PDB file of N, CA and C in Angstrom:
ATOM      1  N   UNK A   1       0.932  -1.251   0.259  1.00  0.00           N
ATOM      2  CA  UNK A   1       0.096  -0.258   0.090  1.00  0.00           C
ATOM      3  C   UNK A   1       0.575   1.566   0.265  1.00  0.00           C
ATOM      4  N   UNK A   2       0.358   2.153  -0.647  1.00  0.00           N
ATOM      5  CA  UNK A   2       1.033   3.564  -0.303  1.00  0.00           C
ATOM      6  C   UNK A   2       0.920   4.755   0.896  1.00  0.00           C
ATOM      7  N   UNK A   3       1.775   5.320   0.961  1.00  0.00           N
ATOM      8  CA  UNK A   3       1.559   5.727   1.750  1.00  0.00           C
ATOM      9  C   UNK A   3       2.131   6.914   2.071  1.00  0.00           C
ATOM     10  N   UNK A   4       2.351   7.508   0.401  1.00  0.00           N
ATOM     11  CA  UNK A   4       2.465   9.068   0.324  1.00  0.00           C
ATOM     12  C   UNK A   4       1.831  10.153   0.818  1.00  0.00           C
ATOM     13  N   UNK A   5       0.436   9.829   0.818  1.00  0.00           N
ATOM     14  CA  UNK A   5      -0.215  11.242   1.197  1.00  0.00           C
ATOM     15  C   UNK A   5      -0.791  11.140   2.651  1.00  0.00           C
ATOM     16  N   UNK A   6      -0.551   9.700   3.706  1.00  0.00           N
ATOM     17  CA  UNK A   6      -0.805   9.799   5.399  1.00  0.00           C
ATOM     18  C   UNK A   6       0.672  10.423   5.640  1.00  0.00           C
ATOM     19  N   UNK A   7       2.175  10.025   4.491  1.00  0.00           N
ATOM     20  CA  UNK A   7       3.473  10.985   5.117  1.00  0.00           C
ATOM     21  C   UNK A   7       2.638  12.379   4.657  1.00  0.00           C
ATOM     22  N   UNK A   8       2.466  13.500   3.937  1.00  0.00           N
ATOM     23  CA  UNK A   8       2.246  14.185   3.760  1.00  0.00           C
ATOM     24  C   UNK A   8       1.591  14.472   4.388  1.00  0.00           C
ATOM     25  N   UNK A   9       0.501  14.578   4.772  1.00  0.00           N
ATOM     26  CA  UNK A   9      -0.457  14.702   5.686  1.00  0.00           C
ATOM     27  C   UNK A   9       0.023  15.111   7.239  1.00  0.00           C
ATOM     28  N   UNK A  10       0.828  14.360   7.378  1.00  0.00           N
ATOM     29  CA  UNK A  10       1.640  14.421   8.699  1.00  0.00           C
ATOM     30  C   UNK A  10       2.884  15.010   8.395  1.00  0.00           C
ATOM     31  N   UNK A  11       3.319  15.278   7.706  1.00  0.00           N
ATOM     32  CA  UNK A  11       4.277  16.355   7.843  1.00  0.00           C
ATOM     33  C   UNK A  11       3.689  17.741   7.412  1.00  0.00           C
ATOM     34  N   UNK A  12       2.736  17.449   6.573  1.00  0.00           N
ATOM     35  CA  UNK A  12       1.453  19.194   6.902  1.00  0.00           C
ATOM     36  C   UNK A  12       1.294  19.613   8.393  1.00  0.00           C
ATOM     37  N   UNK A  13       0.797  18.255   8.909  1.00  0.00           N
ATOM     38  CA  UNK A  13       0.175  18.784  10.289  1.00  0.00           C
ATOM     39  C   UNK A  13       1.466  19.314  11.431  1.00  0.00           C
ATOM     40  N   UNK A  14       2.463  18.444  11.892  1.00  0.00           N
ATOM     41  CA  UNK A  14       3.510  18.473  11.773  1.00  0.00           C
ATOM     42  C   UNK A  14       4.409  20.544  11.958  1.00  0.00           C
ATOM     43  N   UNK A  15       3.962  20.134  10.158  1.00  0.00           N
ATOM     44  CA  UNK A  15       4.947  22.056   9.599  1.00  0.00           C
ATOM     45  C   UNK A  15       4.098  23.287  10.440  1.00  0.00           C
ATOM     46  N   UNK A  16       2.522  22.769  10.553  1.00  0.00           N
ATOM     47  CA  UNK A  16       1.377  24.022  10.978  1.00  0.00           C
ATOM     48  C   UNK A  16       1.829  24.028  12.648  1.00  0.00           C
ATOM     49  N   UNK A  17       1.931  22.307  13.290  1.00  0.00           N
ATOM     50  CA  UNK A  17       2.000  22.942  14.679  1.00  0.00           C
ATOM     51  C   UNK A  17       3.637  23.587  15.448  1.00  0.00           C
ATOM     52  N   UNK A  18       4.304  23.164  14.638  1.00  0.00           N
ATOM     53  CA  UNK A  18       6.223  24.187  14.828  1.00  0.00           C
ATOM     54  C   UNK A  18       5.607  25.591  14.623  1.00  0.00           C
ATOM     55  N   UNK A  19       4.930  26.728  13.545  1.00  0.00           N
ATOM     56  CA  UNK A  19       4.770  27.472  13.001  1.00  0.00           C
ATOM     57  C   UNK A  19       4.135  28.568  14.215  1.00  0.00           C
ATOM     58  N   UNK A  20       3.416  27.928  14.869  1.00  0.00           N
ATOM     59  CA  UNK A  20       1.357  27.953  15.500  1.00  0.00           C
ATOM     60  C   UNK A  20       2.899  28.077  16.631  1.00  0.00           C
ATOM     61  N   UNK A  21       3.454  26.960  17.355  1.00  0.00           N
ATOM     62  CA  UNK A  21       4.448  27.159  18.699  1.00  0.00           C
ATOM     63  C   UNK A  21       5.069  28.462  18.679  1.00  0.00           C
ATOM     64  N   UNK A  22       5.192  28.768  17.232  1.00  0.00           N
ATOM     65  CA  UNK A  22       6.834  29.823  16.974  1.00  0.00           C
ATOM     66  C   UNK A  22       6.161  30.968  17.198  1.00  0.00           C
ATOM     67  N   UNK A  23       4.557  31.461  16.744  1.00  0.00           N
ATOM     68  CA  UNK A  23       4.071  32.034  16.521  1.00  0.00           C
ATOM     69  C   UNK A  23       3.909  33.310  18.495  1.00  0.00           C
ATOM     70  N   UNK A  24       3.887  31.766  19.071  1.00  0.00           N
ATOM     71  CA  UNK A  24       3.636  32.633  20.712  1.00  0.00           C
ATOM     72  C   UNK A  24       4.754  33.184  21.046  1.00  0.00           C
ATOM     73  N   UNK A  25       5.447  33.229  20.799  1.00  0.00           N
ATOM     74  CA  UNK A  25       6.822  33.858  21.469  1.00  0.00           C
ATOM     75  C   UNK A  25       7.501  35.121  20.661  1.00  0.00           C
ATOM     76  N   UNK A  26       7.777  35.990  22.279  1.00  0.00           N
ATOM     77  CA  UNK A  26       7.336  37.139  22.087  1.00  0.00           C
ATOM     78  C   UNK A  26       8.828  37.965  21.817  1.00  0.00           C
ATOM     79  N   UNK A  27       8.711  38.627  21.166  1.00  0.00           N
ATOM     80  CA  UNK A  27      10.002  39.287  20.547  1.00  0.00           C
ATOM     81  C   UNK A  27      10.212  40.392  22.025  1.00  0.00           C
ATOM     82  N   UNK A  28      11.377  40.310  22.986  1.00  0.00           N
ATOM     83  CA  UNK A  28      12.490  41.942  23.791  1.00  0.00           C
ATOM     84  C   UNK A  28      12.011  42.807  23.484  1.00  0.00           C
ATOM     85  N   UNK A  29      11.240  43.692  24.768  1.00  0.00           N
ATOM     86  CA  UNK A  29      11.653  44.974  23.575  1.00  0.00           C
ATOM     87  C   UNK A  29      13.284  45.919  24.100  1.00  0.00           C
ATOM     88  N   UNK A  30      14.388  44.793  25.022  1.00  0.00           N
ATOM     89  CA  UNK A  30      15.512  46.068  24.651  1.00  0.00           C
ATOM     90  C   UNK A  30      16.386  44.821  24.312  1.00  0.00           C
ATOM     91  N   UNK A  31      17.548  45.496  24.318  1.00  0.00           N
ATOM     92  CA  UNK A  31      18.746  44.919  23.288  1.00  0.00           C
ATOM     93  C   UNK A  31      19.605  44.487  24.324  1.00  0.00           C
ATOM     94  N   UNK A  32      19.737  44.109  25.144  1.00  0.00           N
ATOM     95  CA  UNK A  32      20.277  43.950  25.870  1.00  0.00           C
ATOM     96  C   UNK A  32      20.232  42.686  26.845  1.00  0.00           C
ATOM     97  N   UNK A  33      20.598  41.474  27.635  1.00  0.00           N
ATOM     98  CA  UNK A  33      20.093  40.682  27.582  1.00  0.00           C
ATOM     99  C   UNK A  33      19.213  40.190  29.110  1.00  0.00           C
ATOM    100  N   UNK A  34      19.649  41.647  29.865  1.00  0.00           N
ATOM    101  CA  UNK A  34      18.423  41.013  30.877  1.00  0.00           C
ATOM    102  C   UNK A  34      17.790  40.904  30.747  1.00  0.00           C
ATOM    103  N   UNK A  35      17.189  41.252  29.523  1.00  0.00           N
ATOM    104  CA  UNK A  35      15.516  41.418  28.477  1.00  0.00           C
ATOM    105  C   UNK A  35      14.880  40.059  27.552  1.00  0.00           C
ATOM    106  N   UNK A  36      16.201  39.852  28.043  1.00  0.00           N
ATOM    107  CA  UNK A  36      15.519  38.117  27.756  1.00  0.00           C
ATOM    108  C   UNK A  36      15.670  36.724  28.322  1.00  0.00           C
ATOM    109  N   UNK A  37      15.234  37.597  30.007  1.00  0.00           N
ATOM    110  CA  UNK A  37      15.524  36.904  31.189  1.00  0.00           C
ATOM    111  C   UNK A  37      13.462  35.642  30.669  1.00  0.00           C
ATOM    112  N   UNK A  38      13.087  37.477  31.153  1.00  0.00           N
ATOM    113  CA  UNK A  38      11.709  36.745  31.191  1.00  0.00           C
ATOM    114  C   UNK A  38      10.889  35.943  30.135  1.00  0.00           C
ATOM    115  N   UNK A  39      11.729  35.641  29.308  1.00  0.00           N
ATOM    116  CA  UNK A  39      11.429  35.025  27.498  1.00  0.00           C
ATOM    117  C   UNK A  39      12.642  34.083  27.649  1.00  0.00           C
ATOM    118  N   UNK A  40      13.013  33.087  28.661  1.00  0.00           N
ATOM    119  CA  UNK A  40      14.132  32.089  28.357  1.00  0.00           C
ATOM    120  C   UNK A  40      12.605  31.130  28.977  1.00  0.00           C
ATOM    121  N   UNK A  41      12.029  30.510  29.752  1.00  0.00           N
ATOM    122  CA  UNK A  41      11.395  29.924  30.159  1.00  0.00           C
ATOM    123  C   UNK A  41      10.450  29.497  28.515  1.00  0.00           C
ATOM    124  N   UNK A  42       9.929  30.406  27.885  1.00  0.00           N
ATOM    125  CA  UNK A  42       9.125  30.244  26.855  1.00  0.00           C
ATOM    126  C   UNK A  42      10.113  29.551  26.016  1.00  0.00           C
ATOM    127  N   UNK A  43      11.030  29.650  25.128  1.00  0.00           N
ATOM    128  CA  UNK A  43      12.405  29.493  24.758  1.00  0.00           C
ATOM    129  C   UNK A  43      12.648  28.534  25.050  1.00  0.00           C
ATOM    130  N   UNK A  44      13.097  27.829  26.533  1.00  0.00           N
ATOM    131  CA  UNK A  44      13.585  26.483  26.516  1.00  0.00           C
ATOM    132  C   UNK A  44      12.533  25.418  26.467  1.00  0.00           C
ATOM    133  N   UNK A  45      10.970  25.792  26.688  1.00  0.00           N
ATOM    134  CA  UNK A  45       9.988  25.599  26.733  1.00  0.00           C
ATOM    135  C   UNK A  45       9.808  24.639  24.882  1.00  0.00           C
ATOM    136  N   UNK A  46       9.595  25.415  24.212  1.00  0.00           N
ATOM    137  CA  UNK A  46       9.919  25.854  22.757  1.00  0.00           C
ATOM    138  C   UNK A  46      10.982  24.358  22.303  1.00  0.00           C
ATOM    139  N   UNK A  47      11.786  24.778  22.458  1.00  0.00           N
ATOM    140  CA  UNK A  47      13.370  24.365  22.057  1.00  0.00           C
ATOM    141  C   UNK A  47      13.268  22.311  22.376  1.00  0.00           C
ATOM    142  N   UNK A  48      12.352  22.405  23.905  1.00  0.00           N
ATOM    143  CA  UNK A  48      11.892  20.840  24.253  1.00  0.00           C
ATOM    144  C   UNK A  48      10.905  20.171  23.588  1.00  0.00           C
ATOM    145  N   UNK A  49       9.562  21.461  23.111  1.00  0.00           N
ATOM    146  CA  UNK A  49       8.369  20.972  22.148  1.00  0.00           C
ATOM    147  C   UNK A  49       8.578  20.083  21.219  1.00  0.00           C
ATOM    148  N   UNK A  50       9.970  21.659  20.138  1.00  0.00           N
ATOM    149  CA  UNK A  50      10.864  21.360  18.944  1.00  0.00           C
ATOM    150  C   UNK A  50      11.255  19.387  18.982  1.00  0.00           C
ATOM    151  N   UNK A  51      11.839  18.942  19.971  1.00  0.00           N
ATOM    152  CA  UNK A  51      12.411  18.380  19.433  1.00  0.00           C
ATOM    153  C   UNK A  51      11.978  16.905  20.230  1.00  0.00           C
ATOM    154  N   UNK A  52      10.621  17.295  20.859  1.00  0.00           N
ATOM    155  CA  UNK A  52       9.468  16.042  21.403  1.00  0.00           C
ATOM    156  C   UNK A  52       9.085  15.891  19.783  1.00  0.00           C
ATOM    157  N   UNK A  53       8.565  16.788  18.768  1.00  0.00           N
ATOM    158  CA  UNK A  53       7.875  16.727  17.767  1.00  0.00           C
ATOM    159  C   UNK A  53       8.529  16.191  16.378  1.00  0.00           C
ATOM    160  N   UNK A  54      10.610  16.361  16.892  1.00  0.00           N
ATOM    161  CA  UNK A  54      10.974  16.034  15.917  1.00  0.00           C
ATOM    162  C   UNK A  54      11.086  14.040  16.305  1.00  0.00           C
ATOM    163  N   UNK A  55      11.429  13.793  17.077  1.00  0.00           N
ATOM    164  CA  UNK A  55      11.679  12.939  17.772  1.00  0.00           C
ATOM    165  C   UNK A  55      10.201  12.044  17.230  1.00  0.00           C
ATOM    166  N   UNK A  56       9.367  12.690  17.411  1.00  0.00           N
ATOM    167  CA  UNK A  56       7.344  11.711  16.765  1.00  0.00           C
ATOM    168  C   UNK A  56       7.382  12.129  15.505  1.00  0.00           C
ATOM    169  N   UNK A  57       8.199  12.990  14.721  1.00  0.00           N
ATOM    170  CA  UNK A  57       7.961  12.680  13.098  1.00  0.00           C
ATOM    171  C   UNK A  57       9.371  11.689  12.496  1.00  0.00           C
ATOM    172  N   UNK A  58      10.517  11.771  13.433  1.00  0.00           N
ATOM    173  CA  UNK A  58      11.296  10.445  13.102  1.00  0.00           C
ATOM    174  C   UNK A  58      10.507   9.557  13.156  1.00  0.00           C
ATOM    175  N   UNK A  59      10.267   9.098  14.409  1.00  0.00           N
ATOM    176  CA  UNK A  59       9.810   7.549  14.592  1.00  0.00           C
ATOM    177  C   UNK A  59       7.936   7.407  13.587  1.00  0.00           C
ATOM    178  N   UNK A  60       7.543   8.294  13.236  1.00  0.00           N
ATOM    179  CA  UNK A  60       6.475   7.929  12.219  1.00  0.00           C
ATOM    180  C   UNK A  60       6.790   8.120  10.447  1.00  0.00           C
ATOM    181  N   UNK A  61       7.893   9.035  10.592  1.00  0.00           N
ATOM    182  CA  UNK A  61       8.546   8.543   8.898  1.00  0.00           C
ATOM    183  C   UNK A  61       9.107   7.451   8.721  1.00  0.00           C
ATOM    184  N   UNK A  62       9.928   7.047  10.236  1.00  0.00           N
ATOM    185  CA  UNK A  62      10.484   5.581   9.542  1.00  0.00           C
ATOM    186  C   UNK A  62      10.026   4.529   9.457  1.00  0.00           C
ATOM    187  N   UNK A  63       8.248   4.594  10.597  1.00  0.00           N
ATOM    188  CA  UNK A  63       7.646   3.382  10.626  1.00  0.00           C
ATOM    189  C   UNK A  63       6.787   3.775   9.210  1.00  0.00           C
ATOM    190  N   UNK A  64       6.177   4.242   8.569  1.00  0.00           N
ATOM    191  CA  UNK A  64       5.567   4.705   6.972  1.00  0.00           C
ATOM    192  C   UNK A  64       6.532   3.518   6.082  1.00  0.00           C
ATOM    193  N   UNK A  65       8.015   3.992   5.841  1.00  0.00           N
ATOM    194  CA  UNK A  65       8.790   3.447   5.499  1.00  0.00           C
ATOM    195  C   UNK A  65       9.704   2.056   5.947  1.00  0.00           C
ATOM    196  N   UNK A  66       9.032   1.411   7.242  1.00  0.00           N
ATOM    197  CA  UNK A  66       8.934   0.114   7.016  1.00  0.00           C
ATOM    198  C   UNK A  66       8.145  -0.751   6.333  1.00  0.00           C
TER     199      UNK A  66
END
């Protein structure tokens, strides 16, 4: 059975999720390092979520190619 459509759909869904996640990040107003402190937890949660989605996508990709 050909899984190209399902693979393309899941790739699209994951791309949309990553885009929505990055849209929630706010740009700091200051120009020094201290202005980055308030958004550090948001940035770290984005990195962890991105890594989780990358692992999920990789597993899904290998599942469909097997």
